[in-house]
Amino acid sequence: MTLAPRAVLVHRHTELDELLARHGTRGQAAFYLSTRGRDLTAVDARHAAQRSALTAVSAAIPLGWRRGSVERADLSRFLFAPDDIIIVVGQDGLVANLAKYLDGQPVIGINPDPARNPGVLVPHPPAAAGPLLALAASTSAGPHIEARTMVEAVSDDGQRVLGLNEIFLGHASHQTARYTLRPPGGRRERQGSSGILVGTGTGATGWCRSAWLERHSALALPRPTDPVLCWFVREAWPSPATATSLTEGLLTAAAELTIISESEGLVAFGDGIETDALILSWGQQITVHTAKRKLRLLH
């Protein structure tokens, strides 16, 4: 007997949830905000929009399906099954937080607050949840799946980290990171900088785009489904021992960017999640490349 699909609802605590967790009561939260010239009006509205969206999406899940629910803080402890259908209700960043824990499951992005969320990764309104769930469970879902490239970093002792937007490598305390950079083509360079960004086409609309704009780069940034990564060295500075000639480039599917640490405590983390970092000691080596795993976003 074939089991019914399991729909897993992914969400995060609202600002109101976080205020109540910190201050204990609604009255205390309201007083805290009032002393800073603010009130709960906007916070209440965003909380209500999130709850309304969660209610609508939950009601759209077929009665015969299995169900699961996970909050952002618990993603690393949640066991996703290969045949799950994932529904993300929240901001675009929540999809990025989720992506590295998946392995091929279709993802439906629901935007509860289009006035605040761009909706790049959560493009659908709550009312679309029902038809999208039916599509995800059907054999005709293939043409509606967008396979977004991810980035992976692997250290010489087997540590791995994944990212949907980008991987950052630098010093944990934001001091100068010292390392030898080895891009494709055989060149190498000792550098001191505030870190390295290696991003995907999805990340090329965020942090990597900021680096690209600031330096007026002529690089053609990849699109989300391109098997290509872009990389940028942040604030490299010249010295008798370090240079600045290799500060940006592209990595095709078969190429790798290699970094050899010359500092203690260099870290590599994906999508801004510093608590889930790969840690390097002096002399260790890390390679960054396109990941075999992809985010399968349903449209």
C-alpha atoms as a PDB file:
ATOM      1  CA  MET A   1       0.000   0.000   0.000  1.00  0.00           C
ATOM      2  CA  THR A   2       1.368   3.437  -0.982  1.00  0.00           C
ATOM      3  CA  LEU A   3       1.389   6.017   1.785  1.00  0.00           C
ATOM      4  CA  ALA A   4      -0.300   9.354   1.210  1.00  0.00           C
ATOM      5  CA  PRO A   5       2.122  12.265   0.753  1.00  0.00           C
ATOM      6  CA  ARG A   6       3.312  14.158   3.806  1.00  0.00           C
ATOM      7  CA  ALA A   7       3.013  17.945   3.654  1.00  0.00           C
ATOM      8  CA  VAL A   8       5.573  19.652   5.897  1.00  0.00           C
ATOM      9  CA  LEU A   9       4.741  23.228   6.856  1.00  0.00           C
ATOM     10  CA  VAL A  10       7.859  25.354   7.517  1.00  0.00           C
ATOM     11  CA  HIS A  11       7.470  28.657   9.345  1.00  0.00           C
ATOM     12  CA  ARG A  12       9.235  30.956  11.766  1.00  0.00           C
ATOM     13  CA  HIS A  13       8.187  32.817  14.892  1.00  0.00           C
ATOM     14  CA  THR A  14       6.719  36.245  14.243  1.00  0.00           C
ATOM     15  CA  GLU A  15       8.031  39.456  15.776  1.00  0.00           C
ATOM     16  CA  LEU A  16       5.128  39.338  18.241  1.00  0.00           C
ATOM     17  CA  ASP A  17       6.059  35.770  19.262  1.00  0.00           C
ATOM     18  CA  GLU A  18       9.631  36.920  19.882  1.00  0.00           C
ATOM     19  CA  LEU A  19       8.526  39.980  21.879  1.00  0.00           C
ATOM     20  CA  LEU A  20       6.288  37.835  24.084  1.00  0.00           C
ATOM     21  CA  ALA A  21       9.066  35.277  24.591  1.00  0.00           C
ATOM     22  CA  ARG A  22      11.385  38.063  25.720  1.00  0.00           C
ATOM     23  CA  HIS A  23       8.999  40.172  27.811  1.00  0.00           C
ATOM     24  CA  GLY A  24       6.555  37.563  29.092  1.00  0.00           C
ATOM     25  CA  THR A  25       3.261  39.379  28.584  1.00  0.00           C
ATOM     26  CA  ARG A  26       1.643  41.512  25.920  1.00  0.00           C
ATOM     27  CA  GLY A  27       1.444  44.430  28.337  1.00  0.00           C
ATOM     28  CA  GLN A  28       5.168  44.314  29.060  1.00  0.00           C
ATOM     29  CA  ALA A  29       5.943  44.112  25.346  1.00  0.00           C
ATOM     30  CA  ALA A  30       3.688  47.095  24.642  1.00  0.00           C
ATOM     31  CA  PHE A  31       5.345  49.094  27.440  1.00  0.00           C
ATOM     32  CA  TYR A  32       8.827  48.259  26.105  1.00  0.00           C
ATOM     33  CA  LEU A  33       7.897  49.538  22.650  1.00  0.00           C
ATOM     34  CA  SER A  34       6.084  52.613  23.990  1.00  0.00           C
ATOM     35  CA  THR A  35       9.241  53.790  25.790  1.00  0.00           C
ATOM     36  CA  ARG A  36      10.883  53.854  22.354  1.00  0.00           C
ATOM     37  CA  GLY A  37       8.101  55.700  20.606  1.00  0.00           C
ATOM     38  CA  ARG A  38       6.580  52.629  19.005  1.00  0.00           C
ATOM     39  CA  ASP A  39       3.536  50.423  19.528  1.00  0.00           C
ATOM     40  CA  LEU A  40       2.257  46.971  18.644  1.00  0.00           C
ATOM     41  CA  THR A  41       0.028  48.014  15.735  1.00  0.00           C
ATOM     42  CA  ALA A  42       2.341  47.047  12.887  1.00  0.00           C
ATOM     43  CA  VAL A  43       3.624  44.009  14.777  1.00  0.00           C
ATOM     44  CA  ASP A  44       0.046  42.818  15.348  1.00  0.00           C
ATOM     45  CA  ALA A  45      -0.779  43.250  11.660  1.00  0.00           C
ATOM     46  CA  ARG A  46       2.210  41.172  10.532  1.00  0.00           C
ATOM     47  CA  HIS A  47       1.421  38.524  13.136  1.00  0.00           C
ATOM     48  CA  ALA A  48      -2.186  38.328  11.960  1.00  0.00           C
ATOM     49  CA  ALA A  49      -1.113  38.047   8.308  1.00  0.00           C
ATOM     50  CA  GLN A  50       1.264  35.196   9.149  1.00  0.00           C
ATOM     51  CA  ARG A  51      -1.353  33.330  11.206  1.00  0.00           C
ATOM     52  CA  SER A  52      -3.983  33.808   8.508  1.00  0.00           C
ATOM     53  CA  ALA A  53      -1.625  32.412   5.883  1.00  0.00           C
ATOM     54  CA  LEU A  54      -0.716  29.419   8.051  1.00  0.00           C
ATOM     55  CA  THR A  55      -4.405  28.702   8.647  1.00  0.00           C
ATOM     56  CA  ALA A  56      -5.233  28.916   4.937  1.00  0.00           C
ATOM     57  CA  VAL A  57      -2.333  26.667   3.925  1.00  0.00           C
ATOM     58  CA  SER A  58      -3.095  24.119   6.636  1.00  0.00           C
ATOM     59  CA  ALA A  59      -6.743  23.991   5.522  1.00  0.00           C
ATOM     60  CA  ALA A  60      -5.623  23.390   1.915  1.00  0.00           C
ATOM     61  CA  ILE A  61      -3.738  20.189   2.774  1.00  0.00           C
ATOM     62  CA  PRO A  62      -5.933  17.220   1.698  1.00  0.00           C
ATOM     63  CA  LEU A  63      -7.542  15.397   4.597  1.00  0.00           C
ATOM     64  CA  GLY A  64      -5.993  12.080   3.656  1.00  0.00           C
ATOM     65  CA  TRP A  65      -2.424  13.394   3.633  1.00  0.00           C
ATOM     66  CA  ARG A  66       0.038  13.085   6.459  1.00  0.00           C
ATOM     67  CA  ARG A  67       1.215  16.338   8.035  1.00  0.00           C
ATOM     68  CA  GLY A  68       4.272  17.783   9.672  1.00  0.00           C
ATOM     69  CA  SER A  69       5.299  21.213  10.920  1.00  0.00           C
ATOM     70  CA  VAL A  70       8.677  22.684  11.825  1.00  0.00           C
ATOM     71  CA  GLU A  71       9.818  26.080  13.060  1.00  0.00           C
ATOM     72  CA  ARG A  72      13.016  27.610  11.665  1.00  0.00           C
ATOM     73  CA  ALA A  73      15.042  27.070  14.843  1.00  0.00           C
ATOM     74  CA  ASP A  74      14.323  23.327  14.702  1.00  0.00           C
ATOM     75  CA  LEU A  75      15.231  22.699  11.053  1.00  0.00           C
ATOM     76  CA  SER A  76      18.556  21.047  11.875  1.00  0.00           C
ATOM     77  CA  ARG A  77      16.764  18.530  14.124  1.00  0.00           C
ATOM     78  CA  PHE A  78      13.831  17.734  11.831  1.00  0.00           C
ATOM     79  CA  LEU A  79      13.911  14.527   9.797  1.00  0.00           C
ATOM     80  CA  PHE A  80      12.689  15.235   6.262  1.00  0.00           C
ATOM     81  CA  ALA A  81      11.565  12.185   4.276  1.00  0.00           C
ATOM     82  CA  PRO A  82      12.409  11.736   0.581  1.00  0.00           C
ATOM     83  CA  ASP A  83       8.734  11.914  -0.460  1.00  0.00           C
ATOM     84  CA  ASP A  84       7.802  14.991   1.601  1.00  0.00           C
ATOM     85  CA  ILE A  85       6.243  18.044  -0.030  1.00  0.00           C
ATOM     86  CA  ILE A  86       7.524  21.194   1.672  1.00  0.00           C
ATOM     87  CA  ILE A  87       5.429  24.338   2.112  1.00  0.00           C
ATOM     88  CA  VAL A  88       7.304  27.413   3.316  1.00  0.00           C
ATOM     89  CA  VAL A  89       5.163  30.217   4.744  1.00  0.00           C
ATOM     90  CA  GLY A  90       7.254  33.309   5.385  1.00  0.00           C
ATOM     91  CA  GLN A  91      10.078  35.378   3.993  1.00  0.00           C
ATOM     92  CA  ASP A  92      12.437  34.486   1.151  1.00  0.00           C
ATOM     93  CA  GLY A  93      15.225  33.950   3.667  1.00  0.00           C
ATOM     94  CA  LEU A  94      13.327  31.085   5.262  1.00  0.00           C
ATOM     95  CA  VAL A  95      13.663  29.092   2.028  1.00  0.00           C
ATOM     96  CA  ALA A  96      17.416  29.733   2.087  1.00  0.00           C
ATOM     97  CA  ASN A  97      17.558  28.575   5.723  1.00  0.00           C
ATOM     98  CA  LEU A  98      15.734  25.390   4.753  1.00  0.00           C
ATOM     99  CA  ALA A  99      17.455  24.471   1.476  1.00  0.00           C
ATOM    100  CA  LYS A 100      20.537  22.720   2.870  1.00  0.00           C
ATOM    101  CA  TYR A 101      18.395  20.282   4.865  1.00  0.00           C
ATOM    102  CA  LEU A 102      16.554  19.014   1.774  1.00  0.00           C
ATOM    103  CA  ASP A 103      17.581  16.550  -0.907  1.00  0.00           C
ATOM    104  CA  GLY A 104      15.247  16.823  -3.888  1.00  0.00           C
ATOM    105  CA  GLN A 105      11.893  17.409  -2.175  1.00  0.00           C
ATOM    106  CA  PRO A 106       9.657  19.945  -3.965  1.00  0.00           C
ATOM    107  CA  VAL A 107       9.269  23.284  -2.198  1.00  0.00           C
ATOM    108  CA  ILE A 108       6.221  25.572  -2.384  1.00  0.00           C
ATOM    109  CA  GLY A 109       6.847  29.158  -1.284  1.00  0.00           C
ATOM    110  CA  ILE A 110       3.906  31.076   0.211  1.00  0.00           C
ATOM    111  CA  ASN A 111       4.217  34.820   0.834  1.00  0.00           C
ATOM    112  CA  PRO A 112       2.023  36.017   3.766  1.00  0.00           C
ATOM    113  CA  ASP A 113       3.080  39.682   3.455  1.00  0.00           C
ATOM    114  CA  PRO A 114       3.740  40.808  -0.154  1.00  0.00           C
ATOM    115  CA  ALA A 115       4.055  44.420   0.970  1.00  0.00           C
ATOM    116  CA  ARG A 116       7.261  43.568   2.863  1.00  0.00           C
ATOM    117  CA  ASN A 117       8.602  40.372   1.251  1.00  0.00           C
ATOM    118  CA  PRO A 118       9.956  40.525  -2.324  1.00  0.00           C
ATOM    119  CA  GLY A 119       8.659  37.003  -2.960  1.00  0.00           C
ATOM    120  CA  VAL A 120      11.599  35.749  -5.033  1.00  0.00           C
ATOM    121  CA  LEU A 121      11.531  32.363  -3.306  1.00  0.00           C
ATOM    122  CA  VAL A 122       8.012  32.637  -1.869  1.00  0.00           C
ATOM    123  CA  PRO A 123       6.101  33.879  -4.932  1.00  0.00           C
ATOM    124  CA  HIS A 124       2.630  32.470  -4.225  1.00  0.00           C
ATOM    125  CA  PRO A 125      -0.353  33.777  -2.224  1.00  0.00           C
ATOM    126  CA  PRO A 126      -1.895  31.524   0.462  1.00  0.00           C
ATOM    127  CA  ALA A 127      -4.925  30.872  -1.789  1.00  0.00           C
ATOM    128  CA  ALA A 128      -2.663  29.054  -4.264  1.00  0.00           C
ATOM    129  CA  ALA A 129      -1.618  26.389  -1.753  1.00  0.00           C
ATOM    130  CA  GLY A 130      -4.308  23.859  -2.675  1.00  0.00           C
ATOM    131  CA  PRO A 131      -3.645  23.726  -6.445  1.00  0.00           C
ATOM    132  CA  LEU A 132       0.111  23.779  -5.863  1.00  0.00           C
ATOM    133  CA  LEU A 133      -0.056  20.840  -3.455  1.00  0.00           C
ATOM    134  CA  ALA A 134      -2.070  18.869  -5.986  1.00  0.00           C
ATOM    135  CA  LEU A 135       0.465  19.723  -8.683  1.00  0.00           C
ATOM    136  CA  ALA A 136       3.414  18.745  -6.483  1.00  0.00           C
ATOM    137  CA  ALA A 137       1.874  15.323  -5.858  1.00  0.00           C
ATOM    138  CA  SER A 138       1.090  14.705  -9.534  1.00  0.00           C
ATOM    139  CA  THR A 139       3.242  13.215 -12.289  1.00  0.00           C
ATOM    140  CA  SER A 140       3.017  16.471 -14.246  1.00  0.00           C
ATOM    141  CA  ALA A 141       4.974  18.563 -11.734  1.00  0.00           C
ATOM    142  CA  GLY A 142       8.287  18.256 -13.604  1.00  0.00           C
ATOM    143  CA  PRO A 143       7.947  21.222 -15.992  1.00  0.00           C
ATOM    144  CA  HIS A 144       6.920  23.442 -13.073  1.00  0.00           C
ATOM    145  CA  ILE A 145      10.045  22.689 -11.022  1.00  0.00           C
ATOM    146  CA  GLU A 146      12.833  25.275 -11.013  1.00  0.00           C
ATOM    147  CA  ALA A 147      16.119  23.583 -10.006  1.00  0.00           C
ATOM    148  CA  ARG A 148      18.169  26.307  -8.335  1.00  0.00           C
ATOM    149  CA  THR A 149      21.930  25.868  -8.062  1.00  0.00           C
ATOM    150  CA  MET A 150      23.498  25.557  -4.595  1.00  0.00           C
ATOM    151  CA  VAL A 151      27.083  26.054  -3.423  1.00  0.00           C
ATOM    152  CA  GLU A 152      29.144  23.656  -1.293  1.00  0.00           C
ATOM    153  CA  ALA A 153      32.381  24.026   0.668  1.00  0.00           C
ATOM    154  CA  VAL A 154      34.417  20.962   1.720  1.00  0.00           C
ATOM    155  CA  SER A 155      37.447  21.045   4.013  1.00  0.00           C
ATOM    156  CA  ASP A 156      40.386  18.645   3.890  1.00  0.00           C
ATOM    157  CA  ASP A 157      39.142  16.894   7.059  1.00  0.00           C
ATOM    158  CA  GLY A 158      35.701  16.171   5.587  1.00  0.00           C
ATOM    159  CA  GLN A 159      33.625  19.016   6.999  1.00  0.00           C
ATOM    160  CA  ARG A 160      30.940  20.258   4.611  1.00  0.00           C
ATOM    161  CA  VAL A 161      28.615  23.235   4.426  1.00  0.00           C
ATOM    162  CA  LEU A 162      25.941  24.099   1.863  1.00  0.00           C
ATOM    163  CA  GLY A 163      24.333  27.375   0.835  1.00  0.00           C
ATOM    164  CA  LEU A 164      21.529  28.463  -1.470  1.00  0.00           C
ATOM    165  CA  ASN A 165      22.624  32.110  -1.692  1.00  0.00           C
ATOM    166  CA  GLU A 166      26.301  32.109  -0.817  1.00  0.00           C
ATOM    167  CA  ILE A 167      29.062  30.771   1.392  1.00  0.00           C
ATOM    168  CA  PHE A 168      31.180  33.234   3.339  1.00  0.00           C
ATOM    169  CA  LEU A 169      34.720  32.390   4.365  1.00  0.00           C
ATOM    170  CA  GLY A 170      36.582  34.666   6.720  1.00  0.00           C
ATOM    171  CA  HIS A 171      37.681  35.253  10.292  1.00  0.00           C
ATOM    172  CA  ALA A 172      35.147  34.381  12.986  1.00  0.00           C
ATOM    173  CA  SER A 173      35.780  37.645  14.851  1.00  0.00           C
ATOM    174  CA  HIS A 174      35.841  39.750  11.647  1.00  0.00           C
ATOM    175  CA  GLN A 175      39.551  40.431  11.977  1.00  0.00           C
ATOM    176  CA  THR A 176      41.689  40.237   8.859  1.00  0.00           C
ATOM    177  CA  ALA A 177      41.571  36.759   7.333  1.00  0.00           C
ATOM    178  CA  ARG A 178      44.898  35.524   5.965  1.00  0.00           C
ATOM    179  CA  TYR A 179      45.025  32.727   3.428  1.00  0.00           C
ATOM    180  CA  THR A 180      46.308  31.625   0.041  1.00  0.00           C
ATOM    181  CA  LEU A 181      43.707  31.786  -2.724  1.00  0.00           C
ATOM    182  CA  ARG A 182      43.895  29.356  -5.636  1.00  0.00           C
ATOM    183  CA  PRO A 183      41.245  29.915  -8.355  1.00  0.00           C
ATOM    184  CA  PRO A 184      40.982  27.770 -11.495  1.00  0.00           C
ATOM    185  CA  GLY A 185      43.785  28.262 -14.011  1.00  0.00           C
ATOM    186  CA  GLY A 186      46.799  27.532 -11.822  1.00  0.00           C
ATOM    187  CA  ARG A 187      47.388  30.986 -10.318  1.00  0.00           C
ATOM    188  CA  ARG A 188      47.635  31.520  -6.572  1.00  0.00           C
ATOM    189  CA  GLU A 189      47.921  34.525  -4.292  1.00  0.00           C
ATOM    190  CA  ARG A 190      48.463  35.205  -0.602  1.00  0.00           C
ATOM    191  CA  GLN A 191      45.847  37.644   0.633  1.00  0.00           C
ATOM    192  CA  GLY A 192      44.631  39.495   3.682  1.00  0.00           C
ATOM    193  CA  SER A 193      40.970  40.546   3.508  1.00  0.00           C
ATOM    194  CA  SER A 194      37.679  40.755   5.331  1.00  0.00           C
ATOM    195  CA  GLY A 195      36.617  37.487   3.728  1.00  0.00           C
ATOM    196  CA  ILE A 196      35.473  35.793   0.549  1.00  0.00           C
ATOM    197  CA  LEU A 197      31.946  35.400  -0.834  1.00  0.00           C
ATOM    198  CA  VAL A 198      31.115  32.563  -3.213  1.00  0.00           C
ATOM    199  CA  GLY A 199      27.541  32.876  -4.461  1.00  0.00           C
ATOM    200  CA  THR A 200      24.961  31.275  -6.708  1.00  0.00           C
ATOM    201  CA  GLY A 201      22.587  32.896  -9.162  1.00  0.00           C
ATOM    202  CA  THR A 202      20.081  33.122  -6.308  1.00  0.00           C
ATOM    203  CA  GLY A 203      22.657  34.846  -4.114  1.00  0.00           C
ATOM    204  CA  ALA A 204      23.581  37.143  -6.998  1.00  0.00           C
ATOM    205  CA  THR A 205      20.524  39.229  -6.093  1.00  0.00           C
ATOM    206  CA  GLY A 206      21.739  39.730  -2.509  1.00  0.00           C
ATOM    207  CA  TRP A 207      25.113  39.947  -0.740  1.00  0.00           C
ATOM    208  CA  CYS A 208      27.140  39.081  -3.854  1.00  0.00           C
ATOM    209  CA  ARG A 209      25.305  41.713  -5.848  1.00  0.00           C
ATOM    210  CA  SER A 210      26.278  44.276  -3.241  1.00  0.00           C
ATOM    211  CA  ALA A 211      29.965  43.379  -3.726  1.00  0.00           C
ATOM    212  CA  TRP A 212      29.476  43.400  -7.504  1.00  0.00           C
ATOM    213  CA  LEU A 213      27.911  46.864  -7.473  1.00  0.00           C
ATOM    214  CA  GLU A 214      30.423  48.437  -5.104  1.00  0.00           C
ATOM    215  CA  ARG A 215      33.392  47.533  -7.287  1.00  0.00           C
ATOM    216  CA  HIS A 216      31.575  48.249 -10.579  1.00  0.00           C
ATOM    217  CA  SER A 217      32.411  44.707 -11.673  1.00  0.00           C
ATOM    218  CA  ALA A 218      32.119  43.654 -15.302  1.00  0.00           C
ATOM    219  CA  LEU A 219      31.399  40.024 -14.369  1.00  0.00           C
ATOM    220  CA  ALA A 220      28.189  38.563 -15.837  1.00  0.00           C
ATOM    221  CA  LEU A 221      26.405  37.334 -12.711  1.00  0.00           C
ATOM    222  CA  PRO A 222      24.835  33.865 -13.046  1.00  0.00           C
ATOM    223  CA  ARG A 223      21.100  33.193 -13.149  1.00  0.00           C
ATOM    224  CA  PRO A 224      19.497  31.037 -10.414  1.00  0.00           C
ATOM    225  CA  THR A 225      19.504  27.827 -12.475  1.00  0.00           C
ATOM    226  CA  ASP A 226      22.931  28.322 -14.073  1.00  0.00           C
ATOM    227  CA  PRO A 227      25.544  25.773 -12.867  1.00  0.00           C
ATOM    228  CA  VAL A 228      27.913  28.682 -12.269  1.00  0.00           C
ATOM    229  CA  LEU A 229      29.132  30.467  -9.140  1.00  0.00           C
ATOM    230  CA  CYS A 230      30.528  33.971  -8.701  1.00  0.00           C
ATOM    231  CA  TRP A 231      33.173  34.831  -6.117  1.00  0.00           C
ATOM    232  CA  PHE A 232      34.377  38.097  -4.614  1.00  0.00           C
ATOM    233  CA  VAL A 233      37.173  38.918  -2.167  1.00  0.00           C
ATOM    234  CA  ARG A 234      36.013  41.602   0.252  1.00  0.00           C
ATOM    235  CA  GLU A 235      38.368  44.507   0.987  1.00  0.00           C
ATOM    236  CA  ALA A 236      41.622  42.817   0.034  1.00  0.00           C
ATOM    237  CA  TRP A 237      44.602  44.978   0.941  1.00  0.00           C
ATOM    238  CA  PRO A 238      48.178  44.982  -0.343  1.00  0.00           C
ATOM    239  CA  SER A 239      51.228  44.523   1.876  1.00  0.00           C
ATOM    240  CA  PRO A 240      54.757  43.142   1.506  1.00  0.00           C
ATOM    241  CA  ALA A 241      53.265  39.673   2.036  1.00  0.00           C
ATOM    242  CA  THR A 242      49.821  39.966   0.411  1.00  0.00           C
ATOM    243  CA  ALA A 243      48.444  41.013  -2.980  1.00  0.00           C
ATOM    244  CA  THR A 244      45.147  42.050  -4.559  1.00  0.00           C
ATOM    245  CA  SER A 245      45.184  40.888  -8.175  1.00  0.00           C
ATOM    246  CA  LEU A 246      42.745  37.970  -7.726  1.00  0.00           C
ATOM    247  CA  THR A 247      39.581  39.417  -6.225  1.00  0.00           C
ATOM    248  CA  GLU A 248      36.677  38.134  -8.350  1.00  0.00           C
ATOM    249  CA  GLY A 249      35.724  35.476 -10.856  1.00  0.00           C
ATOM    250  CA  LEU A 250      33.320  32.794 -11.988  1.00  0.00           C
ATOM    251  CA  LEU A 251      33.336  29.050 -11.296  1.00  0.00           C
ATOM    252  CA  THR A 252      31.797  26.710 -13.842  1.00  0.00           C
ATOM    253  CA  ALA A 253      30.263  23.380 -12.819  1.00  0.00           C
ATOM    254  CA  ALA A 254      33.583  21.527 -12.972  1.00  0.00           C
ATOM    255  CA  ALA A 255      35.722  24.243 -11.340  1.00  0.00           C
ATOM    256  CA  GLU A 256      36.754  24.810  -7.734  1.00  0.00           C
ATOM    257  CA  LEU A 257      38.030  27.711  -5.673  1.00  0.00           C
ATOM    258  CA  THR A 258      40.644  26.564  -3.145  1.00  0.00           C
ATOM    259  CA  ILE A 259      41.537  28.492   0.008  1.00  0.00           C
ATOM    260  CA  ILE A 260      44.451  27.489   2.268  1.00  0.00           C
ATOM    261  CA  SER A 261      44.108  28.990   5.734  1.00  0.00           C
ATOM    262  CA  GLU A 262      46.960  31.041   7.187  1.00  0.00           C
ATOM    263  CA  SER A 263      44.951  32.099  10.226  1.00  0.00           C
ATOM    264  CA  GLU A 264      43.536  30.258  13.208  1.00  0.00           C
ATOM    265  CA  GLY A 265      39.748  30.201  13.451  1.00  0.00           C
ATOM    266  CA  LEU A 266      38.691  30.897   9.892  1.00  0.00           C
ATOM    267  CA  VAL A 267      35.044  29.924   9.387  1.00  0.00           C
ATOM    268  CA  ALA A 268      32.857  29.070   6.424  1.00  0.00           C
ATOM    269  CA  PHE A 269      29.072  29.293   6.700  1.00  0.00           C
ATOM    270  CA  GLY A 270      26.145  29.364   4.308  1.00  0.00           C
ATOM    271  CA  ASP A 271      23.374  31.946   3.958  1.00  0.00           C
ATOM    272  CA  GLY A 272      24.359  33.975   7.004  1.00  0.00           C
ATOM    273  CA  ILE A 273      23.904  31.130   9.535  1.00  0.00           C
ATOM    274  CA  GLU A 274      27.055  31.677  11.635  1.00  0.00           C
ATOM    275  CA  THR A 275      25.960  29.082  14.201  1.00  0.00           C
ATOM    276  CA  ASP A 276      26.332  26.330  11.593  1.00  0.00           C
ATOM    277  CA  ALA A 277      29.905  27.033  10.519  1.00  0.00           C
ATOM    278  CA  LEU A 278      32.791  24.939   9.296  1.00  0.00           C
ATOM    279  CA  ILE A 279      35.946  25.881  11.262  1.00  0.00           C
ATOM    280  CA  LEU A 280      39.477  25.869   9.849  1.00  0.00           C
ATOM    281  CA  SER A 281      42.850  25.839  11.597  1.00  0.00           C
ATOM    282  CA  TRP A 282      46.135  27.207  10.250  1.00  0.00           C
ATOM    283  CA  GLY A 283      47.250  25.195   7.207  1.00  0.00           C
ATOM    284  CA  GLN A 284      43.894  23.590   6.479  1.00  0.00           C
ATOM    285  CA  GLN A 285      42.473  23.675   2.969  1.00  0.00           C
ATOM    286  CA  ILE A 286      38.911  24.171   1.778  1.00  0.00           C
ATOM    287  CA  THR A 287      37.441  23.886  -1.719  1.00  0.00           C
ATOM    288  CA  VAL A 288      34.251  25.610  -2.864  1.00  0.00           C
ATOM    289  CA  HIS A 289      32.225  24.443  -5.868  1.00  0.00           C
ATOM    290  CA  THR A 290      28.706  23.961  -7.187  1.00  0.00           C
ATOM    291  CA  ALA A 291      26.794  21.401  -5.148  1.00  0.00           C
ATOM    292  CA  LYS A 292      25.238  18.252  -6.552  1.00  0.00           C
ATOM    293  CA  ARG A 293      22.172  19.052  -4.475  1.00  0.00           C
ATOM    294  CA  LYS A 294      19.681  21.611  -5.831  1.00  0.00           C
ATOM    295  CA  LEU A 295      16.665  23.429  -4.446  1.00  0.00           C
ATOM    296  CA  ARG A 296      13.560  22.243  -6.335  1.00  0.00           C
ATOM    297  CA  LEU A 297      11.183  25.211  -6.228  1.00  0.00           C
ATOM    298  CA  LEU A 298       7.647  24.658  -7.543  1.00  0.00           C
ATOM    299  CA  HIS A 299       6.036  27.369  -9.669  1.00  0.00           C
END
